[in-house]
Amino acid sequence: MLNPTQLIEDLRNLGVKEDDLIIVHSSYNGLRGADQIEGGPEAVIAALKETVKKGTLVIPTFSYENVSIDNRVFDVENTPVCIGILPETMRLSNDVYRSVHPTHSLAAWGKDAEAITQNHQFDHTPVGVNSPLSEVYRRNGKIVLLGCPFARNTSLHGVEEMILPDYLFTTNYDYDVTLANQEKITMNVLRHDFSAHEQRYDRVIDLLEEEKDYKIGNVLNGRTCVMNAQATWDKALIKYREDSHYFVDALPNTSC
């Protein structure tokens, strides 16, 4: 049985401080491996909050499978997450602010949670300038790939949107959105299209300097990477400008 408080010490060893702003991409199964975690997902979220108790915790609460082209309805208080148990547990936990976006919302807790999430509804893309992911970059935060594949680095979507590679979007759709105060608005948002490509955001590590820009180690049973958000975005942007397809592979029987 794994003690979830060990997560705090493990993240400290990877450079996460109590006043940090962190965006956490996670895999609960990756964290526990063949073991169980005492207290389950709720205990992991509590440990993450304790890790940055003087800072801010951000976790994606994406709903792009639940809010589809055929079901263009999003309720910031009630639409469930489609990317795993830890993000859904975060969404349902106390004192969390969820950003308003039909497919790519994020939940934040802590010092700057409200400020980081308050303007997402003004974006017309998944990871635009008002996304909490962009706020983590601007505020010199850290990206934590917690027990999950390093390709799951959604922050790189924000860099993609600066370049607009030819594979990125399909078209835009109107979504019916219900805010936390029950006000209803319409958001017109583009959707990503990765039907012909595999995302390879793990390649950003090859552009970064170990120890200075990132550290890798185990958190509980999960291989984890903690990255400096500004270094990650800035160096990825340089690479995108050199080669807009560097972070994707074309799937078989498709062409770039």
Protein backbone atom coordinates (compact mmCIF):
# COMPACT_ATOMS: atom_id res chain seq x y z
CA MET A 1 0.00 0.00 0.00
CA LEU A 2 1.47 3.33 -1.07
CA ASN A 3 1.35 6.33 1.26
CA PRO A 4 0.12 9.33 -0.76
CA THR A 5 2.10 11.77 1.38
CA GLN A 6 5.25 10.25 -0.16
CA LEU A 7 4.15 12.08 -3.30
CA ILE A 8 5.02 15.39 -1.64
CA GLU A 9 8.60 14.36 -0.87
CA ASP A 10 9.02 12.85 -4.34
CA LEU A 11 7.89 16.07 -6.02
CA ARG A 12 10.15 18.12 -3.73
CA ASN A 13 13.05 16.01 -4.99
CA LEU A 14 12.08 17.02 -8.53
CA GLY A 15 12.13 20.71 -7.65
CA VAL A 16 8.48 21.49 -6.86
CA LYS A 17 8.21 24.10 -4.09
CA GLU A 18 5.28 24.92 -1.84
CA ASP A 19 4.68 28.29 -3.51
CA ASP A 20 4.92 27.01 -7.09
CA LEU A 21 2.28 27.21 -9.80
CA ILE A 22 2.03 23.76 -11.38
CA ILE A 23 -0.01 22.25 -14.19
CA VAL A 24 -0.33 18.51 -13.63
CA HIS A 25 -0.99 15.94 -16.36
CA SER A 26 -1.51 12.60 -14.67
CA SER A 27 -2.14 8.88 -14.77
CA TYR A 28 -3.51 7.32 -11.60
CA ASN A 29 -2.63 3.82 -12.80
CA GLY A 30 0.85 5.02 -13.67
CA LEU A 31 1.30 6.40 -10.15
CA ARG A 32 0.19 3.25 -8.36
CA GLY A 33 1.67 0.67 -10.70
CA ALA A 34 0.97 -2.79 -9.28
CA ASP A 35 0.16 -1.35 -5.82
CA GLN A 36 -2.75 0.52 -4.30
CA ILE A 37 -2.63 4.09 -2.98
CA GLU A 38 -4.02 4.56 0.51
CA GLY A 39 -7.07 6.82 0.27
CA GLY A 40 -7.31 6.50 -3.50
CA PRO A 41 -7.57 9.40 -5.98
CA GLU A 42 -8.93 11.78 -3.33
CA ALA A 43 -5.76 11.32 -1.28
CA VAL A 44 -3.60 12.02 -4.33
CA ILE A 45 -5.41 15.29 -5.02
CA ALA A 46 -5.08 16.25 -1.35
CA ALA A 47 -1.35 15.52 -1.49
CA LEU A 48 -0.95 17.62 -4.64
CA LYS A 49 -2.70 20.53 -2.92
CA GLU A 50 -0.44 20.14 0.07
CA THR A 51 2.61 20.09 -2.21
CA VAL A 52 1.81 23.63 -3.43
CA LYS A 53 -0.11 24.82 -0.38
CA LYS A 54 1.21 28.37 -0.81
CA GLY A 55 0.95 28.29 -4.59
CA THR A 56 -1.53 27.09 -7.19
CA LEU A 57 -2.48 23.67 -8.56
CA VAL A 58 -3.93 23.38 -12.07
CA ILE A 59 -5.24 20.15 -13.60
CA PRO A 60 -6.90 19.71 -17.01
CA THR A 61 -10.62 18.86 -16.86
CA PHE A 62 -11.00 18.29 -20.59
CA SER A 63 -14.39 17.14 -21.89
CA TYR A 64 -13.86 16.91 -25.64
CA GLU A 65 -15.37 13.40 -25.79
CA ASN A 66 -18.42 14.30 -23.70
CA VAL A 67 -18.92 17.61 -25.50
CA SER A 68 -18.82 16.46 -29.09
CA ILE A 69 -19.88 17.80 -32.46
CA ASP A 70 -23.19 16.01 -31.92
CA ASN A 71 -23.55 17.15 -28.30
CA ARG A 72 -22.43 20.77 -28.13
CA VAL A 73 -23.52 21.44 -24.54
CA PHE A 74 -21.16 22.28 -21.66
CA ASP A 75 -22.05 22.97 -18.02
CA VAL A 76 -19.04 24.23 -16.06
CA GLU A 77 -20.44 22.77 -12.82
CA ASN A 78 -21.68 19.42 -14.09
CA THR A 79 -20.01 18.27 -17.31
CA PRO A 80 -17.70 15.37 -16.41
CA VAL A 81 -14.08 14.96 -17.42
CA CYS A 82 -13.10 12.48 -20.15
CA ILE A 83 -9.36 12.10 -19.39
CA GLY A 84 -9.11 10.11 -16.18
CA ILE A 85 -9.96 9.70 -12.51
CA LEU A 86 -7.54 12.26 -11.06
CA PRO A 87 -8.84 15.16 -13.21
CA GLU A 88 -12.43 14.19 -12.38
CA THR A 89 -11.56 13.97 -8.69
CA MET A 90 -9.96 17.41 -8.91
CA ARG A 91 -13.10 18.81 -10.57
CA LEU A 92 -15.24 17.55 -7.70
CA SER A 93 -12.89 18.62 -4.89
CA ASN A 94 -13.32 21.63 -2.62
CA ASP A 95 -12.40 25.25 -3.41
CA VAL A 96 -11.73 24.63 -7.09
CA TYR A 97 -12.35 27.05 -9.94
CA ARG A 98 -13.03 25.52 -13.36
CA SER A 99 -12.31 27.56 -16.46
CA VAL A 100 -15.09 28.00 -18.99
CA HIS A 101 -14.31 26.11 -22.17
CA PRO A 102 -16.48 23.40 -23.73
CA THR A 103 -13.69 20.99 -24.67
CA HIS A 104 -10.48 22.11 -22.88
CA SER A 105 -11.39 23.48 -19.46
CA LEU A 106 -8.99 23.30 -16.52
CA ALA A 107 -9.54 23.29 -12.76
CA ALA A 108 -7.39 25.34 -10.42
CA TRP A 109 -6.96 25.48 -6.65
CA GLY A 110 -4.89 27.78 -4.48
CA LYS A 111 -3.52 31.29 -4.40
CA ASP A 112 -4.13 32.38 -8.00
CA ALA A 113 -6.81 29.87 -8.96
CA GLU A 114 -9.57 32.37 -9.69
CA ALA A 115 -7.36 34.75 -11.67
CA ILE A 116 -5.87 31.93 -13.74
CA THR A 117 -9.26 30.53 -14.78
CA GLN A 118 -11.41 33.65 -15.17
CA ASN A 119 -10.89 34.57 -18.84
CA HIS A 120 -10.86 31.26 -20.69
CA GLN A 121 -14.35 31.83 -22.08
CA PHE A 122 -12.97 34.59 -24.32
CA ASP A 123 -10.83 32.16 -26.32
CA HIS A 124 -11.92 30.73 -29.67
CA THR A 125 -9.40 27.89 -29.65
CA PRO A 126 -8.70 25.08 -27.13
CA VAL A 127 -5.44 26.49 -25.74
CA GLY A 128 -5.58 30.18 -26.55
CA VAL A 129 -4.01 33.15 -24.83
CA ASN A 130 -6.61 33.07 -22.02
CA SER A 131 -6.23 29.37 -21.23
CA PRO A 132 -4.85 28.51 -17.79
CA LEU A 133 -2.14 26.62 -19.69
CA SER A 134 -1.02 29.92 -21.17
CA GLU A 135 -1.20 31.51 -17.72
CA VAL A 136 1.17 28.86 -16.35
CA TYR A 137 3.64 29.88 -19.04
CA ARG A 138 3.28 33.62 -18.44
CA ARG A 139 3.54 33.21 -14.66
CA ASN A 140 6.70 31.08 -14.88
CA GLY A 141 5.07 27.93 -13.59
CA LYS A 142 6.01 24.28 -13.92
CA ILE A 143 4.60 21.44 -15.99
CA VAL A 144 4.32 18.11 -14.14
CA LEU A 145 3.86 14.90 -16.15
CA LEU A 146 2.82 12.76 -13.19
CA GLY A 147 3.15 9.06 -13.93
CA CYS A 148 1.77 9.59 -17.44
CA PRO A 149 3.33 9.32 -20.90
CA PHE A 150 5.45 12.38 -21.59
CA ALA A 151 3.65 12.83 -24.91
CA ARG A 152 0.65 13.99 -22.87
CA ASN A 153 2.07 17.49 -22.57
CA THR A 154 -0.98 19.52 -23.58
CA SER A 155 0.86 22.79 -23.03
CA LEU A 156 2.39 22.20 -26.45
CA HIS A 157 -1.04 22.82 -27.97
CA GLY A 158 -0.61 26.43 -26.87
CA VAL A 159 2.65 26.65 -28.81
CA GLU A 160 1.02 24.97 -31.82
CA GLU A 161 -1.65 27.65 -31.84
CA MET A 162 1.06 30.28 -32.26
CA ILE A 163 2.26 28.49 -35.41
CA LEU A 164 -1.03 27.01 -36.74
CA PRO A 165 0.39 23.91 -38.47
CA ASP A 166 -1.79 22.47 -41.22
CA TYR A 167 -2.94 19.46 -39.16
CA LEU A 168 -4.25 21.31 -36.10
CA PHE A 169 -7.90 22.30 -36.60
CA THR A 170 -11.07 21.09 -38.34
CA THR A 171 -13.69 23.80 -38.11
CA ASN A 172 -15.45 25.92 -35.50
CA TYR A 173 -18.75 25.16 -33.78
CA ASP A 174 -21.21 26.95 -31.53
CA TYR A 175 -21.55 25.47 -28.04
CA ASP A 176 -24.27 26.09 -25.47
CA VAL A 177 -22.47 26.86 -22.20
CA THR A 178 -23.89 27.14 -18.69
CA LEU A 179 -21.76 29.17 -16.27
CA ALA A 180 -21.40 28.56 -12.53
CA ASN A 181 -24.06 31.23 -11.83
CA GLN A 182 -26.40 29.42 -14.27
CA GLU A 183 -26.08 32.16 -16.88
CA LYS A 184 -26.15 30.70 -20.39
CA ILE A 185 -23.82 31.85 -23.15
CA THR A 186 -22.80 30.66 -26.61
CA MET A 187 -19.15 30.01 -27.37
CA ASN A 188 -17.82 29.57 -30.90
CA VAL A 189 -14.72 27.39 -30.70
CA LEU A 190 -12.42 25.55 -33.10
CA ARG A 191 -11.83 21.83 -32.58
CA HIS A 192 -8.54 19.99 -32.86
CA ASP A 193 -8.14 17.29 -35.48
CA PHE A 194 -5.47 14.66 -34.85
CA SER A 195 -7.19 11.92 -36.85
CA ALA A 196 -4.23 11.66 -39.22
CA HIS A 197 -1.38 12.24 -36.75
CA GLU A 198 0.10 10.87 -33.54
CA GLN A 199 1.04 13.54 -31.01
CA ARG A 200 4.72 13.35 -30.00
CA TYR A 201 5.09 16.12 -27.45
CA ASP A 202 7.58 13.93 -25.59
CA ARG A 203 10.14 15.11 -28.13
CA VAL A 204 10.35 18.47 -26.40
CA ILE A 205 12.67 16.88 -23.82
CA ASP A 206 15.31 16.55 -26.54
CA LEU A 207 15.29 20.35 -26.83
CA LEU A 208 15.70 21.01 -23.12
CA GLU A 209 18.63 20.99 -20.71
CA GLU A 210 18.37 18.40 -17.96
CA GLU A 211 18.47 19.74 -14.39
CA LYS A 212 18.10 23.32 -15.63
CA ASP A 213 14.90 22.94 -17.69
CA TYR A 214 13.57 19.61 -16.41
CA LYS A 215 14.07 16.76 -13.97
CA ILE A 216 12.88 13.15 -14.24
CA GLY A 217 12.33 10.73 -11.37
CA ASN A 218 9.77 8.48 -9.72
CA VAL A 219 6.77 9.82 -7.84
CA LEU A 220 5.25 6.90 -5.96
CA ASN A 221 5.52 4.22 -8.70
CA GLY A 222 5.16 6.60 -11.62
CA ARG A 223 7.93 7.96 -13.84
CA THR A 224 7.47 11.71 -13.66
CA CYS A 225 8.91 14.76 -15.37
CA VAL A 226 8.86 18.29 -13.94
CA MET A 227 9.53 20.94 -16.57
CA ASN A 228 10.05 24.68 -16.54
CA ALA A 229 7.04 25.98 -18.50
CA GLN A 230 8.77 29.01 -19.99
CA ALA A 231 11.75 27.02 -21.23
CA THR A 232 9.44 24.36 -22.64
CA TRP A 233 7.24 26.82 -24.54
CA ASP A 234 10.10 29.01 -25.76
CA LYS A 235 12.28 26.18 -27.05
CA ALA A 236 9.32 24.34 -28.57
CA LEU A 237 8.31 27.53 -30.41
CA ILE A 238 11.76 27.79 -31.98
CA LYS A 239 11.50 24.17 -33.14
CA TYR A 240 7.95 24.61 -34.50
CA ARG A 241 9.18 27.51 -36.61
CA GLU A 242 11.91 25.29 -38.03
CA ASP A 243 9.66 22.28 -38.58
CA SER A 244 5.91 22.57 -38.00
CA HIS A 245 5.55 18.76 -38.00
CA TYR A 246 8.33 18.02 -35.49
CA PHE A 247 5.88 17.13 -32.71
CA VAL A 248 3.66 14.78 -34.72
CA ASP A 249 4.03 11.59 -36.73
CA ALA A 250 1.75 10.91 -39.69
CA LEU A 251 -0.32 7.79 -39.09
CA PRO A 252 -0.10 4.95 -41.65
CA ASN A 253 -1.95 5.53 -44.90
CA THR A 254 -2.05 9.29 -44.31
CA SER A 255 0.03 12.10 -45.69
CA CYS A 256 1.30 15.27 -44.02
